[in-house]
Amino acid sequence: MISSRAKAGFDNMVMLGMKAALAPSADEVTELVALPDMRLPPESHAALLSIASLTFRMLIVLHFSPNAATRQHFARLSRQKMEDLSDQSFLDAICEAGNLCCGGVNRDLGTIFPWVGMSTPNIIDSRCTAHLGVLKYGHLRHFRISVTDSPPLFVTLCVSESEDLDFDFQIPAVAEQGTGELELF
């Protein structure tokens, strides 16, 4: 069983990761919400990433369609011109954004769980997510993030536990940034 506060912690970690990885800046996020249900994925493809520890396995699924608006968004995120974005560069940009999102989640999980590892992304048909139930998950949540001048993006979080999970994740306070001085050793 996953406690309600652990579920909220997983959700908050994923939302922080999405905000950091799927928008050029936090100021451009116009909406970030958990959705009550998403029967069929709204997009044709997905980048599937996993994070695992000794007590749970987490899947983070970034849904996408290779249309012009989505290509433009990921070109902007990866600081490329859309006309220079090949099909492979587009997939690489999506996988990199997924890695950044999962990397943030992995870092946050590492403050709670001693052994946490992350996979490389896999591109799948988005309809595969209809079969997440075979994982006997303890927590499933769908999210939508809207970014200025971009189509909404959808993410699915699925957590399967091998033992009871209960933790209280506190959103970290924003650390004051230095001015970027070089430190010589």
N, C-alpha and C. Protein backbone atom coordinates (compact mmCIF):
# COMPACT_ATOMS: atom_id res chain seq x y z
N MET A 1 0.83 -1.18 0.00
CA MET A 1 0.00 0.00 0.00
C MET A 1 0.88 1.25 0.00
N ILE A 2 0.45 2.23 -0.75
CA ILE A 2 1.15 3.53 -0.78
C ILE A 2 0.27 4.52 -0.04
N SER A 3 0.80 5.14 0.99
CA SER A 3 0.01 6.09 1.79
C SER A 3 -0.37 7.30 0.95
N SER A 4 -1.39 8.01 1.40
CA SER A 4 -1.83 9.20 0.67
C SER A 4 -0.75 10.27 0.65
N ARG A 5 0.01 10.40 1.72
CA ARG A 5 1.06 11.43 1.69
C ARG A 5 2.23 11.00 0.79
N ALA A 6 2.51 9.70 0.68
CA ALA A 6 3.53 9.24 -0.26
C ALA A 6 3.07 9.48 -1.70
N LYS A 7 1.78 9.22 -1.97
CA LYS A 7 1.24 9.51 -3.31
C LYS A 7 1.37 10.99 -3.63
N ALA A 8 1.04 11.83 -2.67
CA ALA A 8 1.17 13.28 -2.87
C ALA A 8 2.64 13.64 -3.10
N GLY A 9 3.55 12.97 -2.39
CA GLY A 9 4.97 13.22 -2.58
C GLY A 9 5.43 12.84 -3.98
N PHE A 10 5.02 11.67 -4.46
CA PHE A 10 5.35 11.26 -5.83
C PHE A 10 4.81 12.29 -6.83
N ASP A 11 3.55 12.69 -6.63
CA ASP A 11 2.93 13.66 -7.54
C ASP A 11 3.72 14.98 -7.55
N ASN A 12 4.06 15.47 -6.37
CA ASN A 12 4.80 16.74 -6.29
C ASN A 12 6.17 16.64 -6.95
N MET A 13 6.85 15.52 -6.76
CA MET A 13 8.15 15.33 -7.40
C MET A 13 8.03 15.37 -8.92
N VAL A 14 7.03 14.67 -9.44
CA VAL A 14 6.83 14.63 -10.89
C VAL A 14 6.45 16.01 -11.42
N MET A 15 5.60 16.72 -10.70
CA MET A 15 5.20 18.05 -11.15
C MET A 15 6.38 19.01 -11.14
N LEU A 16 7.24 18.91 -10.14
CA LEU A 16 8.45 19.74 -10.13
C LEU A 16 9.36 19.39 -11.30
N GLY A 17 9.50 18.09 -11.56
CA GLY A 17 10.32 17.66 -12.69
C GLY A 17 9.76 18.13 -14.02
N MET A 18 8.44 18.05 -14.17
CA MET A 18 7.80 18.51 -15.41
C MET A 18 8.03 20.00 -15.62
N LYS A 19 7.84 20.76 -14.57
CA LYS A 19 7.99 22.22 -14.65
C LYS A 19 9.41 22.60 -15.04
N ALA A 20 10.38 21.87 -14.51
CA ALA A 20 11.78 22.17 -14.79
C ALA A 20 12.22 21.69 -16.18
N ALA A 21 11.64 20.60 -16.67
CA ALA A 21 12.15 19.97 -17.89
C ALA A 21 11.32 20.23 -19.14
N LEU A 22 10.05 20.52 -18.99
CA LEU A 22 9.17 20.60 -20.15
C LEU A 22 8.80 22.03 -20.55
N ALA A 23 9.38 23.00 -19.88
CA ALA A 23 9.14 24.41 -20.22
C ALA A 23 10.48 25.12 -20.29
N PRO A 24 10.62 26.07 -21.22
CA PRO A 24 11.88 26.82 -21.30
C PRO A 24 12.20 27.56 -20.00
N SER A 25 11.15 28.01 -19.29
CA SER A 25 11.33 28.63 -17.98
C SER A 25 10.05 28.43 -17.18
N ALA A 26 10.17 28.49 -15.88
CA ALA A 26 9.00 28.30 -15.02
C ALA A 26 7.94 29.37 -15.28
N ASP A 27 8.36 30.56 -15.69
CA ASP A 27 7.43 31.64 -15.98
C ASP A 27 6.50 31.32 -17.15
N GLU A 28 6.91 30.42 -18.02
CA GLU A 28 6.11 30.10 -19.20
C GLU A 28 5.10 28.98 -18.95
N VAL A 29 5.11 28.40 -17.76
CA VAL A 29 4.11 27.38 -17.43
C VAL A 29 2.81 28.09 -17.08
N THR A 30 1.79 27.88 -17.90
CA THR A 30 0.50 28.53 -17.66
C THR A 30 -0.47 27.64 -16.89
N GLU A 31 -0.22 26.33 -16.92
CA GLU A 31 -1.06 25.39 -16.19
C GLU A 31 -0.28 24.11 -15.95
N LEU A 32 -0.41 23.57 -14.76
CA LEU A 32 0.16 22.26 -14.43
C LEU A 32 -0.82 21.61 -13.46
N VAL A 33 -1.55 20.61 -13.96
CA VAL A 33 -2.61 20.01 -13.15
C VAL A 33 -2.58 18.49 -13.23
N ALA A 34 -3.05 17.88 -12.16
CA ALA A 34 -3.31 16.44 -12.16
C ALA A 34 -4.70 16.26 -12.75
N LEU A 35 -4.82 15.28 -13.63
CA LEU A 35 -6.10 15.01 -14.28
C LEU A 35 -6.82 13.88 -13.57
N PRO A 36 -8.13 13.95 -13.47
CA PRO A 36 -8.86 12.89 -12.77
C PRO A 36 -8.77 11.54 -13.48
N ASP A 37 -8.72 11.55 -14.81
CA ASP A 37 -8.67 10.30 -15.55
C ASP A 37 -8.25 10.60 -16.98
N MET A 38 -7.65 9.63 -17.62
CA MET A 38 -7.28 9.77 -19.02
C MET A 38 -7.39 8.38 -19.63
N ARG A 39 -8.54 8.05 -20.12
CA ARG A 39 -8.79 6.69 -20.63
C ARG A 39 -7.89 6.33 -21.79
N LEU A 40 -7.87 7.16 -22.81
CA LEU A 40 -7.00 6.94 -23.95
C LEU A 40 -6.00 8.08 -24.03
N PRO A 41 -4.75 7.77 -24.23
CA PRO A 41 -3.76 8.84 -24.33
C PRO A 41 -4.12 9.77 -25.49
N PRO A 42 -3.97 11.08 -25.29
CA PRO A 42 -4.34 12.02 -26.34
C PRO A 42 -3.30 12.11 -27.46
N GLU A 43 -2.19 11.45 -27.31
CA GLU A 43 -1.11 11.53 -28.28
C GLU A 43 -0.78 10.14 -28.83
N SER A 44 -0.03 10.09 -29.93
CA SER A 44 0.22 8.82 -30.62
C SER A 44 1.43 8.05 -30.10
N HIS A 45 2.40 8.74 -29.51
CA HIS A 45 3.63 8.10 -29.06
C HIS A 45 3.90 8.47 -27.60
N ALA A 46 4.88 7.81 -27.02
CA ALA A 46 5.26 8.12 -25.64
C ALA A 46 6.72 7.78 -25.43
N ALA A 47 7.36 8.58 -24.58
CA ALA A 47 8.69 8.25 -24.09
C ALA A 47 8.48 7.65 -22.70
N LEU A 48 8.96 6.44 -22.51
CA LEU A 48 8.77 5.69 -21.27
C LEU A 48 10.10 5.66 -20.52
N LEU A 49 10.07 6.13 -19.29
CA LEU A 49 11.26 6.10 -18.43
C LEU A 49 10.88 5.43 -17.12
N SER A 50 11.84 4.79 -16.50
CA SER A 50 11.54 4.16 -15.21
C SER A 50 12.58 4.55 -14.18
N ILE A 51 12.11 4.57 -12.96
CA ILE A 51 12.96 4.77 -11.79
C ILE A 51 12.62 3.63 -10.85
N ALA A 52 13.62 2.99 -10.30
CA ALA A 52 13.36 1.84 -9.43
C ALA A 52 14.22 1.91 -8.18
N SER A 53 13.68 1.36 -7.12
CA SER A 53 14.43 1.16 -5.88
C SER A 53 14.12 -0.26 -5.41
N LEU A 54 14.58 -0.58 -4.24
CA LEU A 54 14.32 -1.91 -3.70
C LEU A 54 12.85 -2.09 -3.32
N THR A 55 12.12 -0.99 -3.13
CA THR A 55 10.75 -1.08 -2.63
C THR A 55 9.67 -0.63 -3.63
N PHE A 56 10.06 -0.07 -4.76
CA PHE A 56 9.06 0.37 -5.73
C PHE A 56 9.67 0.47 -7.13
N ARG A 57 8.76 0.53 -8.10
CA ARG A 57 9.14 0.82 -9.49
C ARG A 57 8.20 1.91 -9.98
N MET A 58 8.76 2.94 -10.57
CA MET A 58 8.00 4.07 -11.06
C MET A 58 8.19 4.19 -12.56
N LEU A 59 7.10 4.37 -13.29
CA LEU A 59 7.16 4.66 -14.71
C LEU A 59 6.67 6.09 -14.91
N ILE A 60 7.41 6.83 -15.70
CA ILE A 60 7.01 8.17 -16.11
C ILE A 60 6.89 8.13 -17.62
N VAL A 61 5.71 8.46 -18.11
CA VAL A 61 5.41 8.35 -19.54
C VAL A 61 5.09 9.74 -20.07
N LEU A 62 5.90 10.22 -20.99
CA LEU A 62 5.70 11.51 -21.63
C LEU A 62 5.03 11.27 -22.98
N HIS A 63 3.77 11.64 -23.10
CA HIS A 63 3.00 11.40 -24.33
C HIS A 63 3.29 12.51 -25.34
N PHE A 64 3.37 12.16 -26.63
CA PHE A 64 3.60 13.17 -27.66
C PHE A 64 3.13 12.66 -29.02
N SER A 65 2.89 13.60 -29.90
CA SER A 65 2.63 13.32 -31.32
C SER A 65 3.64 14.11 -32.12
N PRO A 66 4.16 13.54 -33.19
CA PRO A 66 5.19 14.25 -33.96
C PRO A 66 4.58 15.28 -34.93
N ASN A 67 3.75 16.17 -34.41
CA ASN A 67 3.15 17.21 -35.25
C ASN A 67 3.99 18.49 -35.19
N ALA A 68 3.64 19.45 -36.01
CA ALA A 68 4.45 20.68 -36.13
C ALA A 68 4.53 21.44 -34.81
N ALA A 69 3.42 21.56 -34.09
CA ALA A 69 3.43 22.32 -32.83
C ALA A 69 4.32 21.66 -31.78
N THR A 70 4.25 20.35 -31.68
CA THR A 70 5.08 19.63 -30.71
C THR A 70 6.55 19.69 -31.12
N ARG A 71 6.81 19.54 -32.41
CA ARG A 71 8.19 19.64 -32.90
C ARG A 71 8.75 21.03 -32.59
N GLN A 72 7.94 22.07 -32.78
CA GLN A 72 8.39 23.44 -32.49
C GLN A 72 8.72 23.58 -31.01
N HIS A 73 7.87 23.03 -30.15
CA HIS A 73 8.11 23.12 -28.71
C HIS A 73 9.44 22.46 -28.32
N PHE A 74 9.67 21.25 -28.81
CA PHE A 74 10.90 20.55 -28.43
C PHE A 74 12.13 21.12 -29.13
N ALA A 75 11.95 21.73 -30.29
CA ALA A 75 13.06 22.45 -30.92
C ALA A 75 13.45 23.63 -30.03
N ARG A 76 12.45 24.34 -29.54
CA ARG A 76 12.71 25.48 -28.65
C ARG A 76 13.38 25.02 -27.35
N LEU A 77 12.88 23.92 -26.78
CA LEU A 77 13.49 23.40 -25.54
C LEU A 77 14.95 23.01 -25.74
N SER A 78 15.25 22.42 -26.90
CA SER A 78 16.61 21.95 -27.15
C SER A 78 17.47 22.99 -27.87
N ARG A 79 16.92 24.20 -27.98
CA ARG A 79 17.64 25.34 -28.59
C ARG A 79 18.10 25.04 -30.01
N GLN A 80 17.19 24.48 -30.78
CA GLN A 80 17.46 24.19 -32.19
C GLN A 80 16.40 24.90 -33.04
N LYS A 81 16.73 25.11 -34.29
CA LYS A 81 15.75 25.63 -35.23
C LYS A 81 14.88 24.46 -35.67
N MET A 82 13.59 24.71 -35.79
CA MET A 82 12.68 23.62 -36.16
C MET A 82 13.05 23.02 -37.51
N GLU A 83 13.48 23.85 -38.45
CA GLU A 83 13.83 23.32 -39.78
C GLU A 83 15.09 22.46 -39.73
N ASP A 84 15.90 22.60 -38.69
CA ASP A 84 17.10 21.77 -38.54
C ASP A 84 16.83 20.50 -37.72
N LEU A 85 15.61 20.35 -37.22
CA LEU A 85 15.27 19.24 -36.34
C LEU A 85 14.85 18.02 -37.16
N SER A 86 15.76 17.07 -37.30
CA SER A 86 15.44 15.82 -38.01
C SER A 86 14.52 14.98 -37.13
N ASP A 87 13.99 13.91 -37.70
CA ASP A 87 13.15 13.01 -36.91
C ASP A 87 13.91 12.47 -35.70
N GLN A 88 15.17 12.10 -35.90
CA GLN A 88 15.97 11.58 -34.80
C GLN A 88 16.27 12.67 -33.77
N SER A 89 16.56 13.88 -34.23
CA SER A 89 16.81 15.00 -33.30
C SER A 89 15.57 15.31 -32.47
N PHE A 90 14.40 15.18 -33.10
CA PHE A 90 13.14 15.40 -32.39
C PHE A 90 12.98 14.37 -31.27
N LEU A 91 13.20 13.09 -31.60
CA LEU A 91 13.10 12.05 -30.57
C LEU A 91 14.16 12.24 -29.49
N ASP A 92 15.36 12.64 -29.90
CA ASP A 92 16.42 12.90 -28.92
C ASP A 92 16.02 14.03 -27.97
N ALA A 93 15.40 15.08 -28.51
CA ALA A 93 14.97 16.21 -27.68
C ALA A 93 13.90 15.77 -26.68
N ILE A 94 12.98 14.93 -27.12
CA ILE A 94 11.94 14.41 -26.22
C ILE A 94 12.58 13.54 -25.13
N CYS A 95 13.48 12.67 -25.54
CA CYS A 95 14.14 11.79 -24.56
C CYS A 95 14.97 12.60 -23.57
N GLU A 96 15.63 13.65 -24.05
CA GLU A 96 16.42 14.50 -23.15
C GLU A 96 15.51 15.21 -22.14
N ALA A 97 14.37 15.73 -22.61
CA ALA A 97 13.43 16.36 -21.69
C ALA A 97 12.91 15.34 -20.67
N GLY A 98 12.61 14.13 -21.13
CA GLY A 98 12.18 13.07 -20.22
C GLY A 98 13.26 12.73 -19.20
N ASN A 99 14.51 12.67 -19.66
CA ASN A 99 15.63 12.41 -18.75
C ASN A 99 15.77 13.51 -17.71
N LEU A 100 15.61 14.76 -18.13
CA LEU A 100 15.71 15.88 -17.18
C LEU A 100 14.60 15.81 -16.14
N CYS A 101 13.39 15.51 -16.59
CA CYS A 101 12.26 15.37 -15.67
C CYS A 101 12.53 14.25 -14.66
N CYS A 102 12.91 13.08 -15.18
CA CYS A 102 13.18 11.93 -14.31
C CYS A 102 14.40 12.15 -13.43
N GLY A 103 15.38 12.86 -13.95
CA GLY A 103 16.57 13.14 -13.15
C GLY A 103 16.22 13.95 -11.91
N GLY A 104 15.33 14.93 -12.07
CA GLY A 104 14.88 15.71 -10.91
C GLY A 104 14.12 14.85 -9.92
N VAL A 105 13.25 13.99 -10.44
CA VAL A 105 12.49 13.08 -9.57
C VAL A 105 13.45 12.12 -8.87
N ASN A 106 14.41 11.59 -9.61
CA ASN A 106 15.40 10.66 -9.06
C ASN A 106 16.20 11.33 -7.93
N ARG A 107 16.58 12.58 -8.15
CA ARG A 107 17.33 13.32 -7.13
C ARG A 107 16.48 13.47 -5.86
N ASP A 108 15.20 13.85 -6.04
CA ASP A 108 14.32 14.00 -4.88
C ASP A 108 14.10 12.67 -4.17
N LEU A 109 13.91 11.60 -4.93
CA LEU A 109 13.73 10.28 -4.33
C LEU A 109 14.97 9.84 -3.56
N GLY A 110 16.14 10.23 -4.05
CA GLY A 110 17.40 9.87 -3.39
C GLY A 110 17.54 10.45 -2.00
N THR A 111 16.77 11.49 -1.68
CA THR A 111 16.80 12.04 -0.32
C THR A 111 15.99 11.19 0.65
N ILE A 112 15.17 10.27 0.10
CA ILE A 112 14.29 9.44 0.92
C ILE A 112 14.70 7.97 0.88
N PHE A 113 15.06 7.50 -0.31
CA PHE A 113 15.39 6.09 -0.51
C PHE A 113 16.87 5.96 -0.83
N PRO A 114 17.58 5.03 -0.16
CA PRO A 114 19.03 4.94 -0.36
C PRO A 114 19.45 4.39 -1.73
N TRP A 115 18.67 3.54 -2.34
CA TRP A 115 19.06 2.92 -3.61
C TRP A 115 18.00 3.24 -4.66
N VAL A 116 18.32 4.15 -5.55
CA VAL A 116 17.39 4.54 -6.60
C VAL A 116 18.15 4.61 -7.91
N GLY A 117 17.60 3.99 -8.95
CA GLY A 117 18.24 4.01 -10.27
C GLY A 117 17.25 4.38 -11.34
N MET A 118 17.77 4.91 -12.44
CA MET A 118 16.94 5.43 -13.52
C MET A 118 17.30 4.73 -14.83
N SER A 119 16.30 4.50 -15.67
CA SER A 119 16.54 3.86 -16.97
C SER A 119 16.77 4.90 -18.06
N THR A 120 17.14 4.41 -19.23
CA THR A 120 17.17 5.27 -20.40
C THR A 120 15.77 5.26 -21.01
N PRO A 121 15.42 6.30 -21.76
CA PRO A 121 14.06 6.36 -22.32
C PRO A 121 13.85 5.37 -23.46
N ASN A 122 12.64 4.91 -23.58
CA ASN A 122 12.20 4.06 -24.69
C ASN A 122 11.01 4.74 -25.34
N ILE A 123 10.97 4.77 -26.67
CA ILE A 123 9.84 5.33 -27.39
C ILE A 123 8.87 4.19 -27.70
N ILE A 124 7.61 4.38 -27.30
CA ILE A 124 6.58 3.36 -27.50
C ILE A 124 5.34 3.99 -28.12
N ASP A 125 4.44 3.16 -28.60
CA ASP A 125 3.12 3.61 -29.03
C ASP A 125 2.36 3.98 -27.77
N SER A 126 1.75 5.13 -27.75
CA SER A 126 1.08 5.62 -26.56
C SER A 126 -0.06 4.71 -26.10
N ARG A 127 -0.63 3.94 -27.01
CA ARG A 127 -1.72 3.02 -26.62
C ARG A 127 -1.24 1.93 -25.67
N CYS A 128 0.07 1.71 -25.60
CA CYS A 128 0.61 0.70 -24.66
C CYS A 128 0.28 1.04 -23.21
N THR A 129 0.07 2.33 -22.93
CA THR A 129 -0.22 2.72 -21.55
C THR A 129 -1.57 2.21 -21.08
N ALA A 130 -2.40 1.76 -22.00
CA ALA A 130 -3.68 1.15 -21.60
C ALA A 130 -3.45 -0.15 -20.83
N HIS A 131 -2.25 -0.69 -20.90
CA HIS A 131 -1.94 -1.96 -20.25
C HIS A 131 -1.14 -1.80 -18.96
N LEU A 132 -1.09 -0.59 -18.42
CA LEU A 132 -0.36 -0.38 -17.17
C LEU A 132 -0.96 -1.18 -16.02
N GLY A 133 -2.21 -1.54 -16.11
CA GLY A 133 -2.86 -2.31 -15.06
C GLY A 133 -2.20 -3.64 -14.76
N VAL A 134 -1.50 -4.22 -15.74
CA VAL A 134 -0.84 -5.50 -15.49
C VAL A 134 0.29 -5.34 -14.47
N LEU A 135 0.73 -4.11 -14.24
CA LEU A 135 1.79 -3.87 -13.26
C LEU A 135 1.27 -3.86 -11.83
N LYS A 136 -0.04 -3.97 -11.67
CA LYS A 136 -0.65 -3.96 -10.34
C LYS A 136 -0.15 -2.75 -9.53
N TYR A 137 -0.31 -1.60 -10.13
CA TYR A 137 0.19 -0.36 -9.53
C TYR A 137 -0.59 0.01 -8.28
N GLY A 138 0.09 0.72 -7.40
CA GLY A 138 -0.54 1.26 -6.21
C GLY A 138 -0.90 2.72 -6.38
N HIS A 139 -0.36 3.34 -7.44
CA HIS A 139 -0.64 4.75 -7.69
C HIS A 139 -0.53 5.03 -9.18
N LEU A 140 -1.56 5.64 -9.72
CA LEU A 140 -1.58 6.05 -11.13
C LEU A 140 -2.12 7.46 -11.20
N ARG A 141 -1.39 8.34 -11.87
CA ARG A 141 -1.83 9.74 -11.99
C ARG A 141 -1.45 10.25 -13.37
N HIS A 142 -2.30 11.09 -13.92
CA HIS A 142 -2.05 11.73 -15.21
C HIS A 142 -1.95 13.23 -14.98
N PHE A 143 -1.07 13.87 -15.73
CA PHE A 143 -0.84 15.31 -15.60
C PHE A 143 -0.92 15.98 -16.96
N ARG A 144 -1.28 17.25 -16.94
CA ARG A 144 -1.23 18.08 -18.13
C ARG A 144 -0.46 19.35 -17.78
N ILE A 145 0.50 19.70 -18.64
CA ILE A 145 1.23 20.94 -18.48
C ILE A 145 1.00 21.77 -19.74
N SER A 146 0.65 23.03 -19.53
CA SER A 146 0.49 23.96 -20.64
C SER A 146 1.58 25.01 -20.53
N VAL A 147 2.21 25.26 -21.67
CA VAL A 147 3.33 26.19 -21.75
C VAL A 147 2.98 27.24 -22.80
N THR A 148 3.36 28.47 -22.56
CA THR A 148 3.10 29.56 -23.50
C THR A 148 3.52 29.18 -24.91
N ASP A 149 2.64 29.42 -25.87
CA ASP A 149 2.89 29.20 -27.30
C ASP A 149 3.22 27.75 -27.66
N SER A 150 2.73 26.80 -26.88
CA SER A 150 3.00 25.38 -27.14
C SER A 150 1.72 24.58 -26.89
N PRO A 151 1.62 23.40 -27.51
CA PRO A 151 0.46 22.56 -27.20
C PRO A 151 0.61 21.98 -25.80
N PRO A 152 -0.50 21.59 -25.16
CA PRO A 152 -0.38 20.95 -23.85
C PRO A 152 0.37 19.62 -23.98
N LEU A 153 1.10 19.28 -22.94
CA LEU A 153 1.81 18.00 -22.88
C LEU A 153 1.20 17.17 -21.76
N PHE A 154 1.19 15.86 -21.96
CA PHE A 154 0.58 14.95 -21.00
C PHE A 154 1.63 13.97 -20.49
N VAL A 155 1.59 13.73 -19.18
CA VAL A 155 2.52 12.80 -18.53
C VAL A 155 1.70 11.85 -17.66
N THR A 156 2.08 10.59 -17.67
CA THR A 156 1.46 9.58 -16.81
C THR A 156 2.51 9.09 -15.82
N LEU A 157 2.12 9.00 -14.56
CA LEU A 157 2.95 8.45 -13.49
C LEU A 157 2.30 7.16 -13.02
N CYS A 158 3.08 6.10 -12.93
CA CYS A 158 2.59 4.81 -12.46
C CYS A 158 3.60 4.25 -11.47
N VAL A 159 3.17 3.96 -10.25
CA VAL A 159 4.07 3.45 -9.21
C VAL A 159 3.56 2.10 -8.71
N SER A 160 4.42 1.10 -8.77
CA SER A 160 4.13 -0.23 -8.21
C SER A 160 5.05 -0.43 -7.02
N GLU A 161 4.51 -0.90 -5.92
CA GLU A 161 5.31 -1.07 -4.71
C GLU A 161 5.46 -2.55 -4.37
N SER A 162 6.60 -2.89 -3.77
CA SER A 162 6.80 -4.26 -3.30
C SER A 162 6.62 -4.36 -1.79
N GLU A 163 6.52 -3.22 -1.13
CA GLU A 163 6.19 -3.17 0.29
C GLU A 163 5.51 -1.83 0.56
N ASP A 164 4.95 -1.68 1.74
CA ASP A 164 4.25 -0.44 2.07
C ASP A 164 5.20 0.76 1.95
N LEU A 165 4.66 1.84 1.40
CA LEU A 165 5.44 3.07 1.25
C LEU A 165 4.74 4.20 1.98
N ASP A 166 5.49 4.88 2.83
CA ASP A 166 4.97 6.04 3.53
C ASP A 166 6.12 7.00 3.77
N PHE A 167 6.02 8.17 3.22
CA PHE A 167 7.03 9.21 3.44
C PHE A 167 6.36 10.56 3.25
N ASP A 168 7.02 11.58 3.75
CA ASP A 168 6.49 12.93 3.66
C ASP A 168 7.50 13.77 2.90
N PHE A 169 7.25 13.99 1.62
CA PHE A 169 8.15 14.80 0.79
C PHE A 169 7.76 16.26 0.92
N GLN A 170 8.71 17.06 1.31
CA GLN A 170 8.51 18.50 1.39
C GLN A 170 9.16 19.14 0.18
N ILE A 171 8.42 20.00 -0.49
CA ILE A 171 8.99 20.70 -1.64
C ILE A 171 10.15 21.54 -1.14
N PRO A 172 11.35 21.33 -1.74
CA PRO A 172 12.52 22.05 -1.25
C PRO A 172 12.39 23.55 -1.46
N ALA A 173 12.90 24.29 -0.49
CA ALA A 173 12.94 25.75 -0.63
C ALA A 173 13.92 26.10 -1.75
N VAL A 174 13.61 27.15 -2.47
CA VAL A 174 14.48 27.58 -3.55
C VAL A 174 15.75 28.16 -2.94
N ALA A 175 16.88 27.55 -3.28
CA ALA A 175 18.15 28.03 -2.76
C ALA A 175 18.54 29.30 -3.50
N GLU A 176 19.13 30.21 -2.77
CA GLU A 176 19.57 31.44 -3.41
C GLU A 176 20.76 31.14 -4.30
N GLN A 177 20.68 31.60 -5.53
CA GLN A 177 21.73 31.34 -6.50
C GLN A 177 22.84 32.37 -6.35
N GLY A 178 24.06 31.90 -6.53
CA GLY A 178 25.20 32.81 -6.56
C GLY A 178 25.24 33.53 -7.89
N THR A 179 26.24 34.34 -8.08
CA THR A 179 26.32 35.12 -9.32
C THR A 179 27.17 34.43 -10.36
N GLY A 180 27.59 33.21 -10.11
CA GLY A 180 28.31 32.45 -11.13
C GLY A 180 29.81 32.68 -11.13
N GLU A 181 30.37 33.02 -9.98
CA GLU A 181 31.81 33.21 -9.92
C GLU A 181 32.52 31.88 -10.12
N LEU A 182 33.69 31.94 -10.68
CA LEU A 182 34.52 30.75 -10.82
C LEU A 182 35.30 30.53 -9.54
N GLU A 183 35.41 29.29 -9.16
CA GLU A 183 36.20 28.96 -7.99
C GLU A 183 37.40 28.16 -8.47
N LEU A 184 38.57 28.63 -8.14
CA LEU A 184 39.80 27.96 -8.56
C LEU A 184 40.31 27.10 -7.42
N PHE A 185 40.77 25.92 -7.77
CA PHE A 185 41.30 25.00 -6.76
C PHE A 185 42.79 24.92 -6.87
